[in-house]
Amino acid sequence: GTEQQAADWLADQLHLSLARADLAVVAQAVPAWRSADHSRI
C-alpha cells in the first residue's frame, strides 16, 4: 500500500522470479537464434 512496499515487492520479483526464469531464457535464446538452433529454441 505504499511506495516502499511496492518497490520492495518489485525488486524481489526481479531477482526471485524474472532473473531466474524469463531473463535466463532470453540469455540462452539470443545465441540460439543466431546459430539457427531451432531445436534449442
PDB file of all heavy atoms in Angstrom:
ATOM      1  N   GLY A   1       0.779  -1.232   0.000  1.00  0.00           N
ATOM      2  CA  GLY A   1       0.000   0.000   0.000  1.00  0.00           C
ATOM      3  C   GLY A   1       0.805   1.274   0.000  1.00  0.00           C
ATOM      4  O   GLY A   1       0.230   2.370   0.018  1.00  0.00           O
ATOM      5  N   THR A   2       2.139   1.153  -0.045  1.00  0.00           N
ATOM      6  CA  THR A   2       2.995   2.329  -0.041  1.00  0.00           C
ATOM      7  C   THR A   2       4.051   2.198  -1.133  1.00  0.00           C
ATOM      8  O   THR A   2       4.280   1.111  -1.688  1.00  0.00           O
ATOM      9  CB  THR A   2       3.717   2.494   1.302  1.00  0.00           C
ATOM     10  OG1 THR A   2       4.661   1.411   1.469  1.00  0.00           O
ATOM     11  CG2 THR A   2       2.733   2.499   2.472  1.00  0.00           C
ATOM     12  N   GLU A   3       4.719   3.303  -1.404  1.00  0.00           N
ATOM     13  CA  GLU A   3       5.803   3.286  -2.378  1.00  0.00           C
ATOM     14  C   GLU A   3       6.889   2.294  -1.977  1.00  0.00           C
ATOM     15  O   GLU A   3       7.370   1.516  -2.808  1.00  0.00           O
ATOM     16  CB  GLU A   3       6.401   4.691  -2.506  1.00  0.00           C
ATOM     17  CG  GLU A   3       7.625   4.760  -3.399  1.00  0.00           C
ATOM     18  CD  GLU A   3       8.300   6.118  -3.367  1.00  0.00           C
ATOM     19  OE1 GLU A   3       7.648   7.120  -2.979  1.00  0.00           O
ATOM     20  OE2 GLU A   3       9.496   6.192  -3.742  1.00  0.00           O
ATOM     21  N   GLN A   4       7.295   2.312  -0.708  1.00  0.00           N
ATOM     22  CA  GLN A   4       8.364   1.425  -0.253  1.00  0.00           C
ATOM     23  C   GLN A   4       7.979  -0.039  -0.395  1.00  0.00           C
ATOM     24  O   GLN A   4       8.770  -0.870  -0.842  1.00  0.00           O
ATOM     25  CB  GLN A   4       8.713   1.725   1.210  1.00  0.00           C
ATOM     26  CG  GLN A   4       9.907   0.938   1.743  1.00  0.00           C
ATOM     27  CD  GLN A   4      11.194   1.288   1.023  1.00  0.00           C
ATOM     28  OE1 GLN A   4      11.544   2.450   0.916  1.00  0.00           O
ATOM     29  NE2 GLN A   4      11.896   0.286   0.511  1.00  0.00           N
ATOM     30  N   GLN A   5       6.740  -0.359  -0.014  1.00  0.00           N
ATOM     31  CA  GLN A   5       6.286  -1.746  -0.117  1.00  0.00           C
ATOM     32  C   GLN A   5       6.223  -2.200  -1.571  1.00  0.00           C
ATOM     33  O   GLN A   5       6.623  -3.321  -1.891  1.00  0.00           O
ATOM     34  CB  GLN A   5       4.924  -1.893   0.559  1.00  0.00           C
ATOM     35  CG  GLN A   5       4.968  -1.766   2.073  1.00  0.00           C
ATOM     36  CD  GLN A   5       3.590  -1.594   2.686  1.00  0.00           C
ATOM     37  OE1 GLN A   5       2.647  -1.159   2.026  1.00  0.00           O
ATOM     38  NE2 GLN A   5       3.474  -1.939   3.970  1.00  0.00           N
ATOM     39  N   ALA A   6       5.726  -1.333  -2.444  1.00  0.00           N
ATOM     40  CA  ALA A   6       5.659  -1.694  -3.869  1.00  0.00           C
ATOM     41  C   ALA A   6       7.054  -1.850  -4.463  1.00  0.00           C
ATOM     42  O   ALA A   6       7.311  -2.775  -5.247  1.00  0.00           O
ATOM     43  CB  ALA A   6       4.866  -0.639  -4.634  1.00  0.00           C
ATOM     44  N   ALA A   7       7.966  -0.955  -4.074  1.00  0.00           N
ATOM     45  CA  ALA A   7       9.339  -1.036  -4.585  1.00  0.00           C
ATOM     46  C   ALA A   7      10.014  -2.323  -4.123  1.00  0.00           C
ATOM     47  O   ALA A   7      10.703  -2.994  -4.899  1.00  0.00           O
ATOM     48  CB  ALA A   7      10.137   0.177  -4.125  1.00  0.00           C
ATOM     49  N   ASP A   8       9.823  -2.677  -2.846  1.00  0.00           N
ATOM     50  CA  ASP A   8      10.408  -3.916  -2.323  1.00  0.00           C
ATOM     51  C   ASP A   8       9.828  -5.132  -3.045  1.00  0.00           C
ATOM     52  O   ASP A   8      10.551  -6.085  -3.372  1.00  0.00           O
ATOM     53  CB  ASP A   8      10.147  -4.032  -0.821  1.00  0.00           C
ATOM     54  CG  ASP A   8      10.949  -3.030   0.002  1.00  0.00           C
ATOM     55  OD1 ASP A   8      11.916  -2.456  -0.533  1.00  0.00           O
ATOM     56  OD2 ASP A   8      10.592  -2.831   1.184  1.00  0.00           O
ATOM     57  N   TRP A   9       8.514  -5.102  -3.267  1.00  0.00           N
ATOM     58  CA  TRP A   9       7.854  -6.214  -3.944  1.00  0.00           C
ATOM     59  C   TRP A   9       8.429  -6.419  -5.348  1.00  0.00           C
ATOM     60  O   TRP A   9       8.774  -7.540  -5.739  1.00  0.00           O
ATOM     61  CB  TRP A   9       6.351  -5.941  -4.020  1.00  0.00           C
ATOM     62  CG  TRP A   9       5.576  -6.965  -4.782  1.00  0.00           C
ATOM     63  CD1 TRP A   9       5.363  -6.996  -6.134  1.00  0.00           C
ATOM     64  CD2 TRP A   9       4.935  -8.134  -4.258  1.00  0.00           C
ATOM     65  NE1 TRP A   9       4.616  -8.100  -6.477  1.00  0.00           N
ATOM     66  CE2 TRP A   9       4.341  -8.811  -5.353  1.00  0.00           C
ATOM     67  CE3 TRP A   9       4.791  -8.653  -2.972  1.00  0.00           C
ATOM     68  CZ2 TRP A   9       3.619  -9.990  -5.184  1.00  0.00           C
ATOM     69  CZ3 TRP A   9       4.059  -9.836  -2.814  1.00  0.00           C
ATOM     70  CH2 TRP A   9       3.498 -10.480  -3.901  1.00  0.00           C
ATOM     71  N   LEU A  10       8.553  -5.338  -6.095  1.00  0.00           N
ATOM     72  CA  LEU A  10       9.040  -5.463  -7.469  1.00  0.00           C
ATOM     73  C   LEU A  10      10.512  -5.855  -7.515  1.00  0.00           C
ATOM     74  O   LEU A  10      10.928  -6.609  -8.401  1.00  0.00           O
ATOM     75  CB  LEU A  10       8.805  -4.157  -8.224  1.00  0.00           C
ATOM     76  CG  LEU A  10       7.338  -3.804  -8.479  1.00  0.00           C
ATOM     77  CD1 LEU A  10       7.225  -2.504  -9.268  1.00  0.00           C
ATOM     78  CD2 LEU A  10       6.613  -4.928  -9.218  1.00  0.00           C
ATOM     79  N   ALA A  11      11.305  -5.359  -6.576  1.00  0.00           N
ATOM     80  CA  ALA A  11      12.719  -5.758  -6.536  1.00  0.00           C
ATOM     81  C   ALA A  11      12.843  -7.250  -6.245  1.00  0.00           C
ATOM     82  O   ALA A  11      13.666  -7.954  -6.861  1.00  0.00           O
ATOM     83  CB  ALA A  11      13.459  -4.939  -5.477  1.00  0.00           C
ATOM     84  N   ASP A  12      12.020  -7.742  -5.313  1.00  0.00           N
ATOM     85  CA  ASP A  12      12.038  -9.181  -5.040  1.00  0.00           C
ATOM     86  C   ASP A  12      11.605  -9.972  -6.267  1.00  0.00           C
ATOM     87  O   ASP A  12      12.177 -11.018  -6.595  1.00  0.00           O
ATOM     88  CB  ASP A  12      11.110  -9.508  -3.871  1.00  0.00           C
ATOM     89  CG  ASP A  12      11.684  -9.103  -2.521  1.00  0.00           C
ATOM     90  OD1 ASP A  12      12.906  -8.828  -2.459  1.00  0.00           O
ATOM     91  OD2 ASP A  12      10.914  -9.052  -1.541  1.00  0.00           O
ATOM     92  N   GLN A  13      10.577  -9.474  -6.964  1.00  0.00           N
ATOM     93  CA  GLN A  13      10.099 -10.164  -8.157  1.00  0.00           C
ATOM     94  C   GLN A  13      11.178 -10.194  -9.240  1.00  0.00           C
ATOM     95  O   GLN A  13      11.350 -11.202  -9.937  1.00  0.00           O
ATOM     96  CB  GLN A  13       8.833  -9.491  -8.678  1.00  0.00           C
ATOM     97  CG  GLN A  13       8.096 -10.281  -9.744  1.00  0.00           C
ATOM     98  CD  GLN A  13       6.721  -9.704 -10.032  1.00  0.00           C
ATOM     99  OE1 GLN A  13       6.194  -8.919  -9.264  1.00  0.00           O
ATOM    100  NE2 GLN A  13       6.141 -10.091 -11.145  1.00  0.00           N
ATOM    101  N   LEU A  14      11.915  -9.107  -9.367  1.00  0.00           N
ATOM    102  CA  LEU A  14      13.013  -9.045 -10.334  1.00  0.00           C
ATOM    103  C   LEU A  14      14.026 -10.146 -10.079  1.00  0.00           C
ATOM    104  O   LEU A  14      14.419 -10.876 -11.007  1.00  0.00           O
ATOM    105  CB  LEU A  14      13.686  -7.672 -10.266  1.00  0.00           C
ATOM    106  CG  LEU A  14      15.013  -7.513 -11.008  1.00  0.00           C
ATOM    107  CD1 LEU A  14      14.808  -7.628 -12.514  1.00  0.00           C
ATOM    108  CD2 LEU A  14      15.662  -6.166 -10.654  1.00  0.00           C
ATOM    109  N   HIS A  15      14.467 -10.266  -8.833  1.00  0.00           N
ATOM    110  CA  HIS A  15      15.552 -11.198  -8.513  1.00  0.00           C
ATOM    111  C   HIS A  15      15.085 -12.644  -8.357  1.00  0.00           C
ATOM    112  O   HIS A  15      15.790 -13.578  -8.764  1.00  0.00           O
ATOM    113  CB  HIS A  15      16.263 -10.743  -7.242  1.00  0.00           C
ATOM    114  CG  HIS A  15      16.987  -9.447  -7.384  1.00  0.00           C
ATOM    115  ND1 HIS A  15      18.096  -9.293  -8.183  1.00  0.00           N
ATOM    116  CD2 HIS A  15      16.744  -8.218  -6.847  1.00  0.00           C
ATOM    117  CE1 HIS A  15      18.519  -8.026  -8.126  1.00  0.00           C
ATOM    118  NE2 HIS A  15      17.714  -7.364  -7.329  1.00  0.00           N
ATOM    119  N   LEU A  16      13.917 -12.836  -7.754  1.00  0.00           N
ATOM    120  CA  LEU A  16      13.468 -14.186  -7.427  1.00  0.00           C
ATOM    121  C   LEU A  16      12.664 -14.839  -8.538  1.00  0.00           C
ATOM    122  O   LEU A  16      12.596 -16.073  -8.607  1.00  0.00           O
ATOM    123  CB  LEU A  16      12.621 -14.155  -6.143  1.00  0.00           C
ATOM    124  CG  LEU A  16      13.330 -13.633  -4.897  1.00  0.00           C
ATOM    125  CD1 LEU A  16      12.357 -13.577  -3.717  1.00  0.00           C
ATOM    126  CD2 LEU A  16      14.536 -14.500  -4.558  1.00  0.00           C
ATOM    127  N   SER A  17      12.059 -14.039  -9.394  1.00  0.00           N
ATOM    128  CA  SER A  17      11.212 -14.590 -10.455  1.00  0.00           C
ATOM    129  C   SER A  17      11.779 -14.308 -11.844  1.00  0.00           C
ATOM    130  O   SER A  17      12.164 -15.221 -12.568  1.00  0.00           O
ATOM    131  CB  SER A  17       9.795 -14.020 -10.327  1.00  0.00           C
ATOM    132  OG  SER A  17       8.954 -14.537 -11.332  1.00  0.00           O
ATOM    133  N   LEU A  18      11.860 -13.042 -12.217  1.00  0.00           N
ATOM    134  CA  LEU A  18      12.260 -12.708 -13.583  1.00  0.00           C
ATOM    135  C   LEU A  18      13.672 -13.193 -13.902  1.00  0.00           C
ATOM    136  O   LEU A  18      13.907 -13.795 -14.958  1.00  0.00           O
ATOM    137  CB  LEU A  18      12.168 -11.193 -13.790  1.00  0.00           C
ATOM    138  CG  LEU A  18      12.283 -10.740 -15.247  1.00  0.00           C
ATOM    139  CD1 LEU A  18      10.995 -11.041 -16.011  1.00  0.00           C
ATOM    140  CD2 LEU A  18      12.606  -9.250 -15.338  1.00  0.00           C
ATOM    141  N   ALA A  19      14.629 -12.938 -13.022  1.00  0.00           N
ATOM    142  CA  ALA A  19      16.022 -13.282 -13.311  1.00  0.00           C
ATOM    143  C   ALA A  19      16.217 -14.780 -13.460  1.00  0.00           C
ATOM    144  O   ALA A  19      17.002 -15.228 -14.302  1.00  0.00           O
ATOM    145  CB  ALA A  19      16.930 -12.737 -12.204  1.00  0.00           C
ATOM    146  N   ARG A  20      15.498 -15.552 -12.667  1.00  0.00           N
ATOM    147  CA  ARG A  20      15.702 -17.000 -12.666  1.00  0.00           C
ATOM    148  C   ARG A  20      14.891 -17.714 -13.745  1.00  0.00           C
ATOM    149  O   ARG A  20      15.076 -18.918 -13.939  1.00  0.00           O
ATOM    150  CB  ARG A  20      15.343 -17.577 -11.291  1.00  0.00           C
ATOM    151  CG  ARG A  20      16.189 -17.015 -10.161  1.00  0.00           C
ATOM    152  CD  ARG A  20      15.998 -17.770  -8.865  1.00  0.00           C
ATOM    153  NE  ARG A  20      14.609 -17.739  -8.409  1.00  0.00           N
ATOM    154  CZ  ARG A  20      14.201 -18.348  -7.293  1.00  0.00           C
ATOM    155  NH1 ARG A  20      15.058 -19.037  -6.556  1.00  0.00           N
ATOM    156  NH2 ARG A  20      12.930 -18.272  -6.922  1.00  0.00           N
ATOM    157  N   ALA A  21      14.018 -16.976 -14.422  1.00  0.00           N
ATOM    158  CA  ALA A  21      13.156 -17.611 -15.417  1.00  0.00           C
ATOM    159  C   ALA A  21      13.306 -16.927 -16.766  1.00  0.00           C
ATOM    160  O   ALA A  21      14.164 -17.282 -17.570  1.00  0.00           O
ATOM    161  CB  ALA A  21      11.705 -17.596 -14.924  1.00  0.00           C
ATOM    162  N   ASP A  22      12.479 -15.912 -17.033  1.00  0.00           N
ATOM    163  CA  ASP A  22      12.429 -15.346 -18.385  1.00  0.00           C
ATOM    164  C   ASP A  22      13.735 -14.685 -18.802  1.00  0.00           C
ATOM    165  O   ASP A  22      14.118 -14.763 -19.974  1.00  0.00           O
ATOM    166  CB  ASP A  22      11.276 -14.346 -18.480  1.00  0.00           C
ATOM    167  CG  ASP A  22       9.916 -15.035 -18.483  1.00  0.00           C
ATOM    168  OD1 ASP A  22       9.885 -16.282 -18.352  1.00  0.00           O
ATOM    169  OD2 ASP A  22       8.894 -14.346 -18.606  1.00  0.00           O
ATOM    170  N   LEU A  23      14.411 -14.018 -17.882  1.00  0.00           N
ATOM    171  CA  LEU A  23      15.699 -13.416 -18.248  1.00  0.00           C
ATOM    172  C   LEU A  23      16.711 -14.491 -18.634  1.00  0.00           C
ATOM    173  O   LEU A  23      17.487 -14.311 -19.583  1.00  0.00           O
ATOM    174  CB  LEU A  23      16.254 -12.580 -17.088  1.00  0.00           C
ATOM    175  CG  LEU A  23      15.902 -11.106 -17.032  1.00  0.00           C
ATOM    176  CD1 LEU A  23      16.585 -10.449 -15.836  1.00  0.00           C
ATOM    177  CD2 LEU A  23      16.279 -10.389 -18.312  1.00  0.00           C
ATOM    178  N   ALA A  24      16.717 -15.588 -17.896  1.00  0.00           N
ATOM    179  CA  ALA A  24      17.636 -16.682 -18.221  1.00  0.00           C
ATOM    180  C   ALA A  24      17.295 -17.292 -19.574  1.00  0.00           C
ATOM    181  O   ALA A  24      18.192 -17.711 -20.322  1.00  0.00           O
ATOM    182  CB  ALA A  24      17.581 -17.741 -17.122  1.00  0.00           C
ATOM    183  N   VAL A  25      16.016 -17.342 -19.918  1.00  0.00           N
ATOM    184  CA  VAL A  25      15.606 -17.847 -21.226  1.00  0.00           C
ATOM    185  C   VAL A  25      16.097 -16.914 -22.335  1.00  0.00           C
ATOM    186  O   VAL A  25      16.647 -17.364 -23.351  1.00  0.00           O
ATOM    187  CB  VAL A  25      14.076 -18.009 -21.288  1.00  0.00           C
ATOM    188  CG1 VAL A  25      13.612 -18.255 -22.724  1.00  0.00           C
ATOM    189  CG2 VAL A  25      13.627 -19.145 -20.388  1.00  0.00           C
ATOM    190  N   VAL A  26      15.914 -15.610 -22.164  1.00  0.00           N
ATOM    191  CA  VAL A  26      16.389 -14.649 -23.159  1.00  0.00           C
ATOM    192  C   VAL A  26      17.898 -14.793 -23.356  1.00  0.00           C
ATOM    193  O   VAL A  26      18.401 -14.790 -24.489  1.00  0.00           O
ATOM    194  CB  VAL A  26      16.026 -13.207 -22.754  1.00  0.00           C
ATOM    195  CG1 VAL A  26      16.699 -12.199 -23.690  1.00  0.00           C
ATOM    196  CG2 VAL A  26      14.512 -13.012 -22.770  1.00  0.00           C
ATOM    197  N   ALA A  27      18.632 -14.935 -22.247  1.00  0.00           N
ATOM    198  CA  ALA A  27      20.087 -15.047 -22.311  1.00  0.00           C
ATOM    199  C   ALA A  27      20.515 -16.234 -23.161  1.00  0.00           C
ATOM    200  O   ALA A  27      21.523 -16.170 -23.883  1.00  0.00           O
ATOM    201  CB  ALA A  27      20.656 -15.173 -20.903  1.00  0.00           C
ATOM    202  N   GLN A  28      19.767 -17.327 -23.100  1.00  0.00           N
ATOM    203  CA  GLN A  28      20.130 -18.525 -23.860  1.00  0.00           C
ATOM    204  C   GLN A  28      19.524 -18.536 -25.259  1.00  0.00           C
ATOM    205  O   GLN A  28      20.072 -19.147 -26.180  1.00  0.00           O
ATOM    206  CB  GLN A  28      19.694 -19.764 -23.075  1.00  0.00           C
ATOM    207  CG  GLN A  28      20.421 -19.921 -21.751  1.00  0.00           C
ATOM    208  CD  GLN A  28      19.922 -21.094 -20.933  1.00  0.00           C
ATOM    209  OE1 GLN A  28      19.345 -22.034 -21.469  1.00  0.00           O
ATOM    210  NE2 GLN A  28      20.151 -21.054 -19.638  1.00  0.00           N
ATOM    211  N   ALA A  29      18.384 -17.858 -25.406  1.00  0.00           N
ATOM    212  CA  ALA A  29      17.710 -17.888 -26.707  1.00  0.00           C
ATOM    213  C   ALA A  29      18.375 -16.984 -27.738  1.00  0.00           C
ATOM    214  O   ALA A  29      18.337 -17.283 -28.933  1.00  0.00           O
ATOM    215  CB  ALA A  29      16.238 -17.490 -26.537  1.00  0.00           C
ATOM    216  N   VAL A  30      18.982 -15.875 -27.307  1.00  0.00           N
ATOM    217  CA  VAL A  30      19.626 -14.974 -28.263  1.00  0.00           C
ATOM    218  C   VAL A  30      20.715 -15.701 -29.056  1.00  0.00           C
ATOM    219  O   VAL A  30      20.692 -15.693 -30.306  1.00  0.00           O
ATOM    220  CB  VAL A  30      20.168 -13.710 -27.567  1.00  0.00           C
ATOM    221  CG1 VAL A  30      21.089 -12.927 -28.500  1.00  0.00           C
ATOM    222  CG2 VAL A  30      19.020 -12.816 -27.105  1.00  0.00           C
ATOM    223  N   PRO A  31      21.690 -16.372 -28.396  1.00  0.00           N
ATOM    224  CA  PRO A  31      22.681 -17.101 -29.203  1.00  0.00           C
ATOM    225  C   PRO A  31      22.087 -18.274 -29.970  1.00  0.00           C
ATOM    226  O   PRO A  31      22.583 -18.619 -31.053  1.00  0.00           O
ATOM    227  CB  PRO A  31      23.713 -17.563 -28.159  1.00  0.00           C
ATOM    228  CG  PRO A  31      23.011 -17.503 -26.847  1.00  0.00           C
ATOM    229  CD  PRO A  31      22.022 -16.398 -26.961  1.00  0.00           C
ATOM    230  N   ALA A  32      21.032 -18.892 -29.445  1.00  0.00           N
ATOM    231  CA  ALA A  32      20.399 -20.000 -30.165  1.00  0.00           C
ATOM    232  C   ALA A  32      19.760 -19.514 -31.463  1.00  0.00           C
ATOM    233  O   ALA A  32      19.868 -20.174 -32.507  1.00  0.00           O
ATOM    234  CB  ALA A  32      19.355 -20.673 -29.275  1.00  0.00           C
ATOM    235  N   TRP A  33      19.115 -18.363 -31.433  1.00  0.00           N
ATOM    236  CA  TRP A  33      18.548 -17.794 -32.664  1.00  0.00           C
ATOM    237  C   TRP A  33      19.659 -17.473 -33.657  1.00  0.00           C
ATOM    238  O   TRP A  33      19.520 -17.724 -34.863  1.00  0.00           O
ATOM    239  CB  TRP A  33      17.763 -16.521 -32.356  1.00  0.00           C
ATOM    240  CG  TRP A  33      16.356 -16.713 -31.890  1.00  0.00           C
ATOM    241  CD1 TRP A  33      15.802 -16.291 -30.719  1.00  0.00           C
ATOM    242  CD2 TRP A  33      15.287 -17.348 -32.606  1.00  0.00           C
ATOM    243  NE1 TRP A  33      14.471 -16.628 -30.651  1.00  0.00           N
ATOM    244  CE2 TRP A  33      14.129 -17.273 -31.811  1.00  0.00           C
ATOM    245  CE3 TRP A  33      15.197 -17.969 -33.855  1.00  0.00           C
ATOM    246  CZ2 TRP A  33      12.894 -17.791 -32.211  1.00  0.00           C
ATOM    247  CZ3 TRP A  33      13.976 -18.494 -34.263  1.00  0.00           C
ATOM    248  CH2 TRP A  33      12.843 -18.406 -33.446  1.00  0.00           C
ATOM    249  N   ARG A  34      20.762 -16.920 -33.158  1.00  0.00           N
ATOM    250  CA  ARG A  34      21.849 -16.532 -34.070  1.00  0.00           C
ATOM    251  C   ARG A  34      22.508 -17.729 -34.738  1.00  0.00           C
ATOM    252  O   ARG A  34      23.014 -17.621 -35.860  1.00  0.00           O
ATOM    253  CB  ARG A  34      22.883 -15.702 -33.299  1.00  0.00           C
ATOM    254  CG  ARG A  34      22.390 -14.288 -33.019  1.00  0.00           C
ATOM    255  CD  ARG A  34      23.360 -13.484 -32.208  1.00  0.00           C
ATOM    256  NE  ARG A  34      22.896 -12.089 -32.130  1.00  0.00           N
ATOM    257  CZ  ARG A  34      23.222 -11.259 -31.153  1.00  0.00           C
ATOM    258  NH1 ARG A  34      24.023 -11.658 -30.178  1.00  0.00           N
ATOM    259  NH2 ARG A  34      22.762 -10.021 -31.157  1.00  0.00           N
ATOM    260  N   SER A  35      22.502 -18.855 -34.069  1.00  0.00           N
ATOM    261  CA  SER A  35      23.101 -20.055 -34.652  1.00  0.00           C
ATOM    262  C   SER A  35      22.073 -20.936 -35.343  1.00  0.00           C
ATOM    263  O   SER A  35      22.388 -22.055 -35.757  1.00  0.00           O
ATOM    264  CB  SER A  35      23.826 -20.861 -33.567  1.00  0.00           C
ATOM    265  OG  SER A  35      22.905 -21.287 -32.565  1.00  0.00           O
ATOM    266  N   ALA A  36      20.836 -20.435 -35.452  1.00  0.00           N
ATOM    267  CA  ALA A  36      19.736 -21.168 -36.096  1.00  0.00           C
ATOM    268  C   ALA A  36      19.522 -22.534 -35.451  1.00  0.00           C
ATOM    269  O   ALA A  36      19.209 -23.524 -36.127  1.00  0.00           O
ATOM    270  CB  ALA A  36      19.986 -21.311 -37.592  1.00  0.00           C
ATOM    271  N   ASP A  37      19.670 -22.578 -34.132  1.00  0.00           N
ATOM    272  CA  ASP A  37      19.467 -23.821 -33.378  1.00  0.00           C
ATOM    273  C   ASP A  37      17.990 -23.921 -32.992  1.00  0.00           C
ATOM    274  O   ASP A  37      17.592 -23.638 -31.867  1.00  0.00           O
ATOM    275  CB  ASP A  37      20.355 -23.822 -32.133  1.00  0.00           C
ATOM    276  CG  ASP A  37      20.379 -25.168 -31.429  1.00  0.00           C
ATOM    277  OD1 ASP A  37      19.513 -26.013 -31.734  1.00  0.00           O
ATOM    278  OD2 ASP A  37      21.239 -25.357 -30.543  1.00  0.00           O
ATOM    279  N   HIS A  38      17.177 -24.345 -33.950  1.00  0.00           N
ATOM    280  CA  HIS A  38      15.732 -24.329 -33.752  1.00  0.00           C
ATOM    281  C   HIS A  38      15.265 -25.362 -32.743  1.00  0.00           C
ATOM    282  O   HIS A  38      14.241 -25.161 -32.072  1.00  0.00           O
ATOM    283  CB  HIS A  38      15.026 -24.512 -35.093  1.00  0.00           C
ATOM    284  CG  HIS A  38      15.300 -23.397 -36.055  1.00  0.00           C
ATOM    285  ND1 HIS A  38      14.819 -22.118 -35.873  1.00  0.00           N
ATOM    286  CD2 HIS A  38      16.030 -23.362 -37.200  1.00  0.00           C
ATOM    287  CE1 HIS A  38      15.214 -21.348 -36.865  1.00  0.00           C
ATOM    288  NE2 HIS A  38      15.958 -22.075 -37.678  1.00  0.00           N
ATOM    289  N   SER A  39      15.991 -26.459 -32.610  1.00  0.00           N
ATOM    290  CA  SER A  39      15.621 -27.441 -31.593  1.00  0.00           C
ATOM    291  C   SER A  39      15.825 -26.862 -30.192  1.00  0.00           C
ATOM    292  O   SER A  39      15.013 -27.099 -29.287  1.00  0.00           O
ATOM    293  CB  SER A  39      16.433 -28.731 -31.764  1.00  0.00           C
ATOM    294  OG  SER A  39      17.825 -28.486 -31.607  1.00  0.00           O
ATOM    295  N   ARG A  40      16.889 -26.096 -30.024  1.00  0.00           N
ATOM    296  CA  ARG A  40      17.139 -25.447 -28.736  1.00  0.00           C
ATOM    297  C   ARG A  40      16.060 -24.390 -28.453  1.00  0.00           C
ATOM    298  O   ARG A  40      15.563 -24.288 -27.328  1.00  0.00           O
ATOM    299  CB  ARG A  40      18.525 -24.797 -28.743  1.00  0.00           C
ATOM    300  CG  ARG A  40      18.884 -24.001 -27.505  1.00  0.00           C
ATOM    301  CD  ARG A  40      18.927 -24.888 -26.287  1.00  0.00           C
ATOM    302  NE  ARG A  40      19.472 -24.167 -25.135  1.00  0.00           N
ATOM    303  CZ  ARG A  40      19.274 -24.550 -23.872  1.00  0.00           C
ATOM    304  NH1 ARG A  40      18.567 -25.646 -23.595  1.00  0.00           N
ATOM    305  NH2 ARG A  40      19.793 -23.857 -22.883  1.00  0.00           N
ATOM    306  N   ILE A  41      15.694 -23.627 -29.454  1.00  0.00           N
ATOM    307  CA  ILE A  41      14.626 -22.638 -29.305  1.00  0.00           C
ATOM    308  C   ILE A  41      13.331 -23.317 -28.879  1.00  0.00           C
ATOM    309  O   ILE A  41      12.616 -22.834 -27.995  1.00  0.00           O
ATOM    310  CB  ILE A  41      14.424 -21.859 -30.615  1.00  0.00           C
ATOM    311  CG1 ILE A  41      15.627 -20.939 -30.888  1.00  0.00           C
ATOM    312  CG2 ILE A  41      13.134 -21.065 -30.581  1.00  0.00           C
ATOM    313  CD1 ILE A  41      15.823 -19.849 -29.858  1.00  0.00           C
TER     314      ILE A  41
END
